[in-house]
Protein backbone atom coordinates (compact mmCIF):
# COMPACT_ATOMS: atom_id res chain seq x y z
CA MET A 1 0.61 -9.71 39.82
CA GLN A 2 1.13 -5.98 40.18
CA ALA A 3 3.15 -4.57 43.02
CA PRO A 4 0.93 -2.76 45.53
CA HIS A 5 0.72 0.99 45.10
CA LYS A 6 1.67 3.20 48.00
CA VAL A 7 -0.53 6.16 48.81
CA ARG A 8 1.01 9.03 50.69
CA MET A 9 -1.31 11.17 52.73
CA SER A 10 -0.41 14.72 53.66
CA PRO A 11 1.03 15.09 57.18
CA PHE A 12 -1.60 17.66 58.14
CA SER A 13 -5.06 16.72 59.33
CA PHE A 14 -8.31 18.36 58.38
CA THR A 15 -12.00 18.10 59.06
CA SER A 16 -14.71 18.03 56.48
CA ASP A 17 -18.40 18.75 56.32
CA PHE A 18 -19.25 15.69 54.25
CA ALA A 19 -22.48 13.93 55.12
CA PHE A 20 -20.71 10.59 55.57
CA PRO A 21 -17.74 10.28 57.94
CA PRO A 22 -14.64 8.36 56.83
CA ALA A 23 -15.15 4.63 56.34
CA THR A 24 -13.81 2.29 58.98
CA GLU A 25 -11.26 -0.39 58.17
CA GLN A 26 -14.02 -2.97 58.78
CA GLU A 27 -16.35 -1.29 56.23
CA LEU A 28 -13.54 -1.18 53.68
CA HIS A 29 -12.58 -4.81 54.30
CA GLU A 30 -16.20 -6.06 54.13
CA THR A 31 -16.77 -4.15 50.88
CA GLU A 32 -13.64 -5.62 49.31
CA THR A 33 -14.62 -9.11 50.47
CA ILE A 34 -18.07 -8.84 48.86
CA LEU A 35 -16.64 -7.33 45.66
CA GLY A 36 -13.91 -9.94 45.45
CA PHE A 37 -11.18 -7.38 44.76
CA ARG A 38 -9.31 -4.59 46.53
CA LEU A 39 -10.30 -1.01 45.94
CA PRO A 40 -7.79 1.21 44.14
CA PRO A 41 -5.30 2.54 46.75
CA LEU A 42 -6.08 6.23 46.28
CA LEU A 43 -9.84 5.64 46.41
CA ARG A 44 -9.41 3.51 49.54
CA ALA A 45 -7.37 6.30 51.16
CA LEU A 46 -10.05 8.88 50.30
CA TYR A 47 -12.72 6.71 51.94
CA ALA A 48 -10.57 6.12 55.02
CA HIS A 49 -9.45 9.72 55.53
CA LEU A 50 -11.97 12.04 53.84
CA GLY A 51 -15.46 10.55 53.81
CA ASN A 52 -17.47 7.49 52.86
CA GLY A 53 -18.55 8.81 49.48
CA GLY A 54 -20.79 11.68 48.44
CA PHE A 55 -17.96 14.01 47.43
CA GLY A 56 -16.38 14.66 44.06
CA PRO A 57 -17.70 15.43 40.57
CA GLY A 58 -21.30 15.04 39.50
CA GLY A 59 -23.53 13.84 42.31
CA GLY A 60 -20.55 12.34 44.12
CA ILE A 61 -18.55 9.16 44.48
CA ARG A 62 -20.38 6.05 45.71
CA GLY A 63 -19.33 5.07 49.23
CA VAL A 64 -18.51 1.64 50.59
CA LEU A 65 -20.84 -0.29 52.93
CA GLY A 66 -22.84 2.18 55.01
CA GLY A 67 -21.77 5.17 52.90
CA TYR A 68 -23.24 7.38 50.20
CA GLY A 69 -25.46 5.46 47.81
CA SER A 70 -25.96 2.57 50.20
CA SER A 71 -29.24 1.21 51.54
CA GLY A 72 -31.19 3.86 53.39
CA THR A 73 -29.71 6.86 51.61
CA PHE A 74 -31.59 7.13 48.31
CA GLU A 75 -31.30 3.69 46.72
CA ASN A 76 -33.86 0.90 47.02
CA GLU A 77 -31.21 -1.78 46.94
CA SER A 78 -29.29 -3.16 49.89
CA ASP A 79 -25.55 -2.63 50.17
CA GLU A 80 -24.87 -6.30 49.51
CA THR A 81 -27.19 -6.37 46.46
CA ILE A 82 -25.29 -3.45 44.94
CA LEU A 83 -21.96 -5.13 45.59
CA LYS A 84 -22.87 -8.77 44.87
CA ASN A 85 -24.44 -7.91 41.52
CA HIS A 86 -21.21 -6.15 40.65
CA TYR A 87 -22.73 -2.82 39.83
CA TRP A 88 -19.26 -1.71 40.90
CA ARG A 89 -16.55 -2.80 38.46
CA GLU A 90 -12.97 -3.58 39.44
CA GLY A 91 -10.60 -0.67 38.91
CA LEU A 92 -13.39 1.86 38.34
CA VAL A 93 -15.00 4.56 40.46
CA ASP A 94 -18.79 4.95 40.55
CA LEU A 95 -20.05 8.53 40.25
CA LYS A 96 -23.61 9.76 40.52
CA SER A 97 -24.63 11.67 37.39
CA TYR A 98 -25.27 15.40 37.54
CA ALA A 99 -28.99 14.74 37.30
CA ASN A 100 -28.62 12.25 40.19
CA GLN A 101 -30.47 9.60 38.23
CA TRP A 102 -27.78 7.14 37.16
CA TRP A 103 -24.46 5.81 38.35
CA ARG A 104 -21.57 6.06 35.91
CA SER A 105 -18.30 4.17 36.23
CA LEU A 106 -15.01 5.85 35.37
């Protein structure tokens, strides 16, 4: 078993204009429960402090429950369907393609 990674956040605070506010601890926990694994520490910190997806390269990083790419944004699938069918792979980050037509995992 790997030792947990520590993520250090900068001591300053900032605001962002992202469409999705930071994910709550409950949203992060529920997502990890459905996935069956913990999110990578840096990705988890970005969700908790920056925004719940929609930022980053390409069309943006997929959010956790209630975030970018979840039910009601532009997908026809429910949050739990996306997560339970493991469209999201452990240790990878899902990015929307530049053409916004496909998710790619890195």
